[in-house]
Amino acid sequence: MSMINLEPMPGYVLVELAEEFAGVYVPDKKYDTKTSGIVISDGDLKGKTVFFEEYKDGTQVKDDDKIFAFIKLEDIRGYVS
């Protein structure tokens, strides 16, 4: 159960980041970037898996065992319909 209420500012969506390589050791933070996730904020993309460029997930928030990021709408390159 989430303990905090995260709300994106206009022009951003809140994305639950996908763990593409769970359990894989990454020695350096500069290689620890996500490029996809599920939009959980309201809007047309809610519930869709979206894809964005590397290093656009810099503002990460951990809540329980999930990791979220605020992603600019203009940085989203596509989604699964």
PDB file of N, CA and C in Angstrom:
ATOM      1  N   MET A   1       0.845  -1.182   0.000  1.00  0.00           N
ATOM      2  CA  MET A   1       0.000   0.000   0.000  1.00  0.00           C
ATOM      3  C   MET A   1       0.890   1.245   0.000  1.00  0.00           C
ATOM      4  N   SER A   2       0.592   2.170  -0.897  1.00  0.00           N
ATOM      5  CA  SER A   2       1.381   3.388  -1.030  1.00  0.00           C
ATOM      6  C   SER A   2       1.208   4.285   0.187  1.00  0.00           C
ATOM      7  N   MET A   3       2.300   4.878   0.620  1.00  0.00           N
ATOM      8  CA  MET A   3       2.273   5.749   1.787  1.00  0.00           C
ATOM      9  C   MET A   3       2.228   7.232   1.398  1.00  0.00           C
ATOM     10  N   ILE A   4       2.584   7.564   0.152  1.00  0.00           N
ATOM     11  CA  ILE A   4       2.608   8.964  -0.266  1.00  0.00           C
ATOM     12  C   ILE A   4       1.724   9.156  -1.498  1.00  0.00           C
ATOM     13  N   ASN A   5       1.262  10.383  -1.690  1.00  0.00           N
ATOM     14  CA  ASN A   5       0.423  10.712  -2.828  1.00  0.00           C
ATOM     15  C   ASN A   5       1.248  11.540  -3.807  1.00  0.00           C
ATOM     16  N   LEU A   6       1.640  10.952  -4.913  1.00  0.00           N
ATOM     17  CA  LEU A   6       2.473  11.627  -5.908  1.00  0.00           C
ATOM     18  C   LEU A   6       1.587  12.189  -7.015  1.00  0.00           C
ATOM     19  N   GLU A   7       1.778  13.448  -7.340  1.00  0.00           N
ATOM     20  CA  GLU A   7       1.008  14.118  -8.391  1.00  0.00           C
ATOM     21  C   GLU A   7       1.970  14.822  -9.338  1.00  0.00           C
ATOM     22  N   PRO A   8       1.885  14.541 -10.648  1.00  0.00           N
ATOM     23  CA  PRO A   8       2.759  15.229 -11.602  1.00  0.00           C
ATOM     24  C   PRO A   8       2.294  16.651 -11.880  1.00  0.00           C
ATOM     25  N   MET A   9       3.230  17.510 -12.204  1.00  0.00           N
ATOM     26  CA  MET A   9       2.931  18.876 -12.613  1.00  0.00           C
ATOM     27  C   MET A   9       2.442  18.834 -14.068  1.00  0.00           C
ATOM     28  N   PRO A  10       1.813  19.915 -14.543  1.00  0.00           N
ATOM     29  CA  PRO A  10       1.370  19.951 -15.937  1.00  0.00           C
ATOM     30  C   PRO A  10       2.539  19.676 -16.896  1.00  0.00           C
ATOM     31  N   GLY A  11       2.273  18.861 -17.903  1.00  0.00           N
ATOM     32  CA  GLY A  11       3.297  18.521 -18.889  1.00  0.00           C
ATOM     33  C   GLY A  11       4.099  17.283 -18.532  1.00  0.00           C
ATOM     34  N   TYR A  12       3.779  16.659 -17.391  1.00  0.00           N
ATOM     35  CA  TYR A  12       4.470  15.465 -16.932  1.00  0.00           C
ATOM     36  C   TYR A  12       3.457  14.357 -16.653  1.00  0.00           C
ATOM     37  N   VAL A  13       3.925  13.118 -16.673  1.00  0.00           N
ATOM     38  CA  VAL A  13       3.130  11.982 -16.216  1.00  0.00           C
ATOM     39  C   VAL A  13       3.931  11.243 -15.154  1.00  0.00           C
ATOM     40  N   LEU A  14       3.228  10.582 -14.265  1.00  0.00           N
ATOM     41  CA  LEU A  14       3.861   9.764 -13.244  1.00  0.00           C
ATOM     42  C   LEU A  14       3.913   8.340 -13.765  1.00  0.00           C
ATOM     43  N   VAL A  15       5.120   7.773 -13.809  1.00  0.00           N
ATOM     44  CA  VAL A  15       5.345   6.452 -14.380  1.00  0.00           C
ATOM     45  C   VAL A  15       5.917   5.527 -13.311  1.00  0.00           C
ATOM     46  N   GLU A  16       5.324   4.336 -13.191  1.00  0.00           N
ATOM     47  CA  GLU A  16       5.929   3.287 -12.374  1.00  0.00           C
ATOM     48  C   GLU A  16       6.956   2.604 -13.259  1.00  0.00           C
ATOM     49  N   LEU A  17       8.212   2.721 -12.900  1.00  0.00           N
ATOM     50  CA  LEU A  17       9.292   2.233 -13.754  1.00  0.00           C
ATOM     51  C   LEU A  17       9.321   0.723 -13.812  1.00  0.00           C
ATOM     52  N   ALA A  18       9.590   0.219 -15.005  1.00  0.00           N
ATOM     53  CA  ALA A  18       9.697  -1.219 -15.229  1.00  0.00           C
ATOM     54  C   ALA A  18      11.082  -1.685 -14.830  1.00  0.00           C
ATOM     55  N   GLU A  19      11.142  -2.831 -14.254  1.00  0.00           N
ATOM     56  CA  GLU A  19      12.415  -3.434 -13.834  1.00  0.00           C
ATOM     57  C   GLU A  19      12.814  -4.449 -14.894  1.00  0.00           C
ATOM     58  N   GLU A  20      13.479  -3.955 -15.955  1.00  0.00           N
ATOM     59  CA  GLU A  20      13.820  -4.794 -17.099  1.00  0.00           C
ATOM     60  C   GLU A  20      14.854  -5.868 -16.767  1.00  0.00           C
ATOM     61  N   PHE A  21      15.786  -5.542 -15.890  1.00  0.00           N
ATOM     62  CA  PHE A  21      16.867  -6.465 -15.578  1.00  0.00           C
ATOM     63  C   PHE A  21      16.927  -6.712 -14.085  1.00  0.00           C
ATOM     64  N   ALA A  22      15.826  -7.088 -13.507  1.00  0.00           N
ATOM     65  CA  ALA A  22      15.769  -7.334 -12.059  1.00  0.00           C
ATOM     66  C   ALA A  22      16.788  -8.393 -11.681  1.00  0.00           C
ATOM     67  N   GLY A  23      17.529  -8.113 -10.631  1.00  0.00           N
ATOM     68  CA  GLY A  23      18.512  -9.071 -10.147  1.00  0.00           C
ATOM     69  C   GLY A  23      19.872  -8.987 -10.827  1.00  0.00           C
ATOM     70  N   VAL A  24      20.001  -8.121 -11.828  1.00  0.00           N
ATOM     71  CA  VAL A  24      21.281  -7.963 -12.513  1.00  0.00           C
ATOM     72  C   VAL A  24      22.062  -6.863 -11.815  1.00  0.00           C
ATOM     73  N   TYR A  25      23.262  -7.147 -11.394  1.00  0.00           N
ATOM     74  CA  TYR A  25      24.105  -6.172 -10.712  1.00  0.00           C
ATOM     75  C   TYR A  25      24.617  -5.137 -11.704  1.00  0.00           C
ATOM     76  N   VAL A  26      24.409  -3.867 -11.381  1.00  0.00           N
ATOM     77  CA  VAL A  26      24.901  -2.760 -12.200  1.00  0.00           C
ATOM     78  C   VAL A  26      25.915  -2.000 -11.360  1.00  0.00           C
ATOM     79  N   PRO A  27      27.204  -2.059 -11.720  1.00  0.00           N
ATOM     80  CA  PRO A  27      28.245  -1.485 -10.875  1.00  0.00           C
ATOM     81  C   PRO A  27      28.256   0.028 -10.793  1.00  0.00           C
ATOM     82  N   ASP A  28      27.714   0.722 -11.769  1.00  0.00           N
ATOM     83  CA  ASP A  28      27.808   2.180 -11.790  1.00  0.00           C
ATOM     84  C   ASP A  28      26.436   2.776 -12.037  1.00  0.00           C
ATOM     85  N   LYS A  29      26.050   3.779 -11.239  1.00  0.00           N
ATOM     86  CA  LYS A  29      24.737   4.425 -11.357  1.00  0.00           C
ATOM     87  C   LYS A  29      24.503   4.983 -12.760  1.00  0.00           C
ATOM     88  N   LYS A  30      25.553   5.396 -13.460  1.00  0.00           N
ATOM     89  CA  LYS A  30      25.341   6.003 -14.777  1.00  0.00           C
ATOM     90  C   LYS A  30      24.727   5.033 -15.776  1.00  0.00           C
ATOM     91  N   TYR A  31      24.811   3.721 -15.503  1.00  0.00           N
ATOM     92  CA  TYR A  31      24.200   2.730 -16.389  1.00  0.00           C
ATOM     93  C   TYR A  31      22.856   2.250 -15.861  1.00  0.00           C
ATOM     94  N   ASP A  32      22.452   2.734 -14.702  1.00  0.00           N
ATOM     95  CA  ASP A  32      21.217   2.299 -14.072  1.00  0.00           C
ATOM     96  C   ASP A  32      20.092   3.240 -14.471  1.00  0.00           C
ATOM     97  N   THR A  33      19.572   3.069 -15.684  1.00  0.00           N
ATOM     98  CA  THR A  33      18.497   3.915 -16.191  1.00  0.00           C
ATOM     99  C   THR A  33      17.387   3.029 -16.723  1.00  0.00           C
ATOM    100  N   LYS A  34      16.184   3.528 -16.655  1.00  0.00           N
ATOM    101  CA  LYS A  34      15.027   2.805 -17.172  1.00  0.00           C
ATOM    102  C   LYS A  34      14.552   3.504 -18.435  1.00  0.00           C
ATOM    103  N   THR A  35      13.916   2.740 -19.318  1.00  0.00           N
ATOM    104  CA  THR A  35      13.416   3.317 -20.561  1.00  0.00           C
ATOM    105  C   THR A  35      11.950   2.988 -20.799  1.00  0.00           C
ATOM    106  N   SER A  36      11.282   2.401 -19.790  1.00  0.00           N
ATOM    107  CA  SER A  36       9.862   2.119 -19.942  1.00  0.00           C
ATOM    108  C   SER A  36       9.201   2.036 -18.576  1.00  0.00           C
ATOM    109  N   GLY A  37       7.886   2.112 -18.601  1.00  0.00           N
ATOM    110  CA  GLY A  37       7.109   2.004 -17.374  1.00  0.00           C
ATOM    111  C   GLY A  37       5.642   2.169 -17.664  1.00  0.00           C
ATOM    112  N   ILE A  38       4.831   2.058 -16.618  1.00  0.00           N
ATOM    113  CA  ILE A  38       3.379   2.164 -16.750  1.00  0.00           C
ATOM    114  C   ILE A  38       2.931   3.502 -16.171  1.00  0.00           C
ATOM    115  N   VAL A  39       2.165   4.246 -16.963  1.00  0.00           N
ATOM    116  CA  VAL A  39       1.648   5.532 -16.508  1.00  0.00           C
ATOM    117  C   VAL A  39       0.555   5.281 -15.472  1.00  0.00           C
ATOM    118  N   ILE A  40       0.707   5.896 -14.305  1.00  0.00           N
ATOM    119  CA  ILE A  40      -0.299   5.709 -13.263  1.00  0.00           C
ATOM    120  C   ILE A  40      -1.061   6.991 -12.950  1.00  0.00           C
ATOM    121  N   SER A  41      -0.639   8.118 -13.528  1.00  0.00           N
ATOM    122  CA  SER A  41      -1.376   9.372 -13.317  1.00  0.00           C
ATOM    123  C   SER A  41      -2.542   9.436 -14.300  1.00  0.00           C
ATOM    124  N   ASP A  42      -3.486  10.317 -14.007  1.00  0.00           N
ATOM    125  CA  ASP A  42      -4.658  10.470 -14.869  1.00  0.00           C
ATOM    126  C   ASP A  42      -4.257  11.004 -16.234  1.00  0.00           C
ATOM    127  N   GLY A  43      -5.100  10.777 -17.200  1.00  0.00           N
ATOM    128  CA  GLY A  43      -4.852  11.283 -18.546  1.00  0.00           C
ATOM    129  C   GLY A  43      -5.034  10.193 -19.583  1.00  0.00           C
ATOM    130  N   ASP A  44      -4.787  10.556 -20.832  1.00  0.00           N
ATOM    131  CA  ASP A  44      -4.983   9.633 -21.955  1.00  0.00           C
ATOM    132  C   ASP A  44      -4.068   8.416 -21.892  1.00  0.00           C
ATOM    133  N   LEU A  45      -2.914   8.542 -21.266  1.00  0.00           N
ATOM    134  CA  LEU A  45      -1.949   7.442 -21.224  1.00  0.00           C
ATOM    135  C   LEU A  45      -2.073   6.565 -19.990  1.00  0.00           C
ATOM    136  N   LYS A  46      -3.003   6.855 -19.107  1.00  0.00           N
ATOM    137  CA  LYS A  46      -3.119   6.103 -17.852  1.00  0.00           C
ATOM    138  C   LYS A  46      -3.262   4.602 -18.129  1.00  0.00           C
ATOM    139  N   GLY A  47      -2.417   3.809 -17.460  1.00  0.00           N
ATOM    140  CA  GLY A  47      -2.452   2.358 -17.600  1.00  0.00           C
ATOM    141  C   GLY A  47      -1.657   1.812 -18.768  1.00  0.00           C
ATOM    142  N   LYS A  48      -1.147   2.680 -19.613  1.00  0.00           N
ATOM    143  CA  LYS A  48      -0.387   2.236 -20.783  1.00  0.00           C
ATOM    144  C   LYS A  48       1.101   2.126 -20.451  1.00  0.00           C
ATOM    145  N   THR A  49       1.760   1.169 -21.081  1.00  0.00           N
ATOM    146  CA  THR A  49       3.211   1.063 -20.990  1.00  0.00           C
ATOM    147  C   THR A  49       3.795   2.053 -21.980  1.00  0.00           C
ATOM    148  N   VAL A  50       4.640   2.959 -21.476  1.00  0.00           N
ATOM    149  CA  VAL A  50       5.246   3.977 -22.324  1.00  0.00           C
ATOM    150  C   VAL A  50       6.760   3.752 -22.403  1.00  0.00           C
ATOM    151  N   PHE A  51       7.343   4.298 -23.449  1.00  0.00           N
ATOM    152  CA  PHE A  51       8.778   4.177 -23.686  1.00  0.00           C
ATOM    153  C   PHE A  51       9.381   5.562 -23.841  1.00  0.00           C
ATOM    154  N   PHE A  52      10.554   5.746 -23.240  1.00  0.00           N
ATOM    155  CA  PHE A  52      11.231   7.035 -23.293  1.00  0.00           C
ATOM    156  C   PHE A  52      12.726   6.785 -23.395  1.00  0.00           C
ATOM    157  N   GLU A  53      13.470   7.837 -23.732  1.00  0.00           N
ATOM    158  CA  GLU A  53      14.916   7.710 -23.923  1.00  0.00           C
ATOM    159  C   GLU A  53      15.635   7.452 -22.597  1.00  0.00           C
ATOM    160  N   GLU A  54      16.832   6.928 -22.691  1.00  0.00           N
ATOM    161  CA  GLU A  54      17.667   6.713 -21.508  1.00  0.00           C
ATOM    162  C   GLU A  54      17.901   8.028 -20.777  1.00  0.00           C
ATOM    163  N   TYR A  55      18.044   7.924 -19.470  1.00  0.00           N
ATOM    164  CA  TYR A  55      18.388   9.043 -18.588  1.00  0.00           C
ATOM    165  C   TYR A  55      17.289  10.096 -18.468  1.00  0.00           C
ATOM    166  N   LYS A  56      16.063   9.771 -18.840  1.00  0.00           N
ATOM    167  CA  LYS A  56      14.932  10.682 -18.639  1.00  0.00           C
ATOM    168  C   LYS A  56      14.219  10.363 -17.326  1.00  0.00           C
ATOM    169  N   ASP A  57      14.713   9.353 -16.606  1.00  0.00           N
ATOM    170  CA  ASP A  57      14.086   8.903 -15.359  1.00  0.00           C
ATOM    171  C   ASP A  57      14.844   9.397 -14.129  1.00  0.00           C
ATOM    172  N   GLY A  58      15.516  10.526 -14.253  1.00  0.00           N
ATOM    173  CA  GLY A  58      16.394  11.014 -13.193  1.00  0.00           C
ATOM    174  C   GLY A  58      15.719  11.365 -11.881  1.00  0.00           C
ATOM    175  N   THR A  59      14.481  11.831 -11.923  1.00  0.00           N
ATOM    176  CA  THR A  59      13.782  12.182 -10.691  1.00  0.00           C
ATOM    177  C   THR A  59      12.962  10.981 -10.247  1.00  0.00           C
ATOM    178  N   GLN A  60      13.597  10.093  -9.488  1.00  0.00           N
ATOM    179  CA  GLN A  60      12.939   8.874  -9.036  1.00  0.00           C
ATOM    180  C   GLN A  60      12.482   9.016  -7.590  1.00  0.00           C
ATOM    181  N   VAL A  61      11.335   8.405  -7.305  1.00  0.00           N
ATOM    182  CA  VAL A  61      10.784   8.383  -5.959  1.00  0.00           C
ATOM    183  C   VAL A  61      10.485   6.930  -5.615  1.00  0.00           C
ATOM    184  N   LYS A  62      11.020   6.478  -4.481  1.00  0.00           N
ATOM    185  CA  LYS A  62      10.752   5.111  -4.037  1.00  0.00           C
ATOM    186  C   LYS A  62       9.626   5.151  -3.022  1.00  0.00           C
ATOM    187  N   ASP A  63       8.663   4.244  -3.196  1.00  0.00           N
ATOM    188  CA  ASP A  63       7.550   4.120  -2.270  1.00  0.00           C
ATOM    189  C   ASP A  63       7.262   2.626  -2.120  1.00  0.00           C
ATOM    190  N   ASP A  64       7.432   2.123  -0.923  1.00  0.00           N
ATOM    191  CA  ASP A  64       7.367   0.679  -0.681  1.00  0.00           C
ATOM    192  C   ASP A  64       8.411   0.003  -1.558  1.00  0.00           C
ATOM    193  N   ASP A  65       8.015  -0.966  -2.366  1.00  0.00           N
ATOM    194  CA  ASP A  65       8.974  -1.676  -3.218  1.00  0.00           C
ATOM    195  C   ASP A  65       8.889  -1.228  -4.675  1.00  0.00           C
ATOM    196  N   LYS A  66       8.211  -0.116  -4.936  1.00  0.00           N
ATOM    197  CA  LYS A  66       8.055   0.385  -6.299  1.00  0.00           C
ATOM    198  C   LYS A  66       8.867   1.660  -6.481  1.00  0.00           C
ATOM    199  N   ILE A  67       9.260   1.897  -7.726  1.00  0.00           N
ATOM    200  CA  ILE A  67      10.012   3.108  -8.067  1.00  0.00           C
ATOM    201  C   ILE A  67       9.222   3.874  -9.120  1.00  0.00           C
ATOM    202  N   PHE A  68       9.036   5.164  -8.880  1.00  0.00           N
ATOM    203  CA  PHE A  68       8.283   6.029  -9.769  1.00  0.00           C
ATOM    204  C   PHE A  68       9.184   7.140 -10.294  1.00  0.00           C
ATOM    205  N   ALA A  69       8.792   7.702 -11.441  1.00  0.00           N
ATOM    206  CA  ALA A  69       9.515   8.849 -11.996  1.00  0.00           C
ATOM    207  C   ALA A  69       8.511   9.783 -12.654  1.00  0.00           C
ATOM    208  N   PHE A  70       8.843  11.065 -12.635  1.00  0.00           N
ATOM    209  CA  PHE A  70       8.063  12.067 -13.347  1.00  0.00           C
ATOM    210  C   PHE A  70       8.721  12.238 -14.710  1.00  0.00           C
ATOM    211  N   ILE A  71       7.994  11.900 -15.778  1.00  0.00           N
ATOM    212  CA  ILE A  71       8.534  11.946 -17.135  1.00  0.00           C
ATOM    213  C   ILE A  71       7.789  13.020 -17.917  1.00  0.00           C
ATOM    214  N   LYS A  72       8.542  13.874 -18.631  1.00  0.00           N
ATOM    215  CA  LYS A  72       7.918  14.894 -19.476  1.00  0.00           C
ATOM    216  C   LYS A  72       7.155  14.208 -20.604  1.00  0.00           C
ATOM    217  N   LEU A  73       5.979  14.732 -20.898  1.00  0.00           N
ATOM    218  CA  LEU A  73       5.198  14.183 -22.007  1.00  0.00           C
ATOM    219  C   LEU A  73       5.993  14.219 -23.310  1.00  0.00           C
ATOM    220  N   GLU A  74       6.757  15.283 -23.520  1.00  0.00           N
ATOM    221  CA  GLU A  74       7.532  15.407 -24.760  1.00  0.00           C
ATOM    222  C   GLU A  74       8.660  14.393 -24.868  1.00  0.00           C
ATOM    223  N   ASP A  75       9.042  13.761 -23.738  1.00  0.00           N
ATOM    224  CA  ASP A  75      10.097  12.744 -23.766  1.00  0.00           C
ATOM    225  C   ASP A  75       9.564  11.342 -24.039  1.00  0.00           C
ATOM    226  N   ILE A  76       8.246  11.171 -24.028  1.00  0.00           N
ATOM    227  CA  ILE A  76       7.669   9.854 -24.304  1.00  0.00           C
ATOM    228  C   ILE A  76       7.698   9.641 -25.816  1.00  0.00           C
ATOM    229  N   ARG A  77       8.309   8.544 -26.221  1.00  0.00           N
ATOM    230  CA  ARG A  77       8.484   8.258 -27.652  1.00  0.00           C
ATOM    231  C   ARG A  77       7.414   7.346 -28.225  1.00  0.00           C
ATOM    232  N   GLY A  78       6.695   6.638 -27.362  1.00  0.00           N
ATOM    233  CA  GLY A  78       5.645   5.748 -27.834  1.00  0.00           C
ATOM    234  C   GLY A  78       5.049   4.976 -26.678  1.00  0.00           C
ATOM    235  N   TYR A  79       4.011   4.198 -26.997  1.00  0.00           N
ATOM    236  CA  TYR A  79       3.340   3.406 -25.960  1.00  0.00           C
ATOM    237  C   TYR A  79       2.701   2.179 -26.586  1.00  0.00           C
ATOM    238  N   VAL A  80       2.348   1.227 -25.724  1.00  0.00           N
ATOM    239  CA  VAL A  80       1.660   0.030 -26.151  1.00  0.00           C
ATOM    240  C   VAL A  80       0.180   0.308 -26.037  1.00  0.00           C
ATOM    241  N   SER A  81      -0.544   0.168 -27.159  1.00  0.00           N
ATOM    242  CA  SER A  81      -1.982   0.471 -27.136  1.00  0.00           C
ATOM    243  C   SER A  81      -2.812  -0.738 -26.770  1.00  0.00           C
TER     244      SER A  81
END
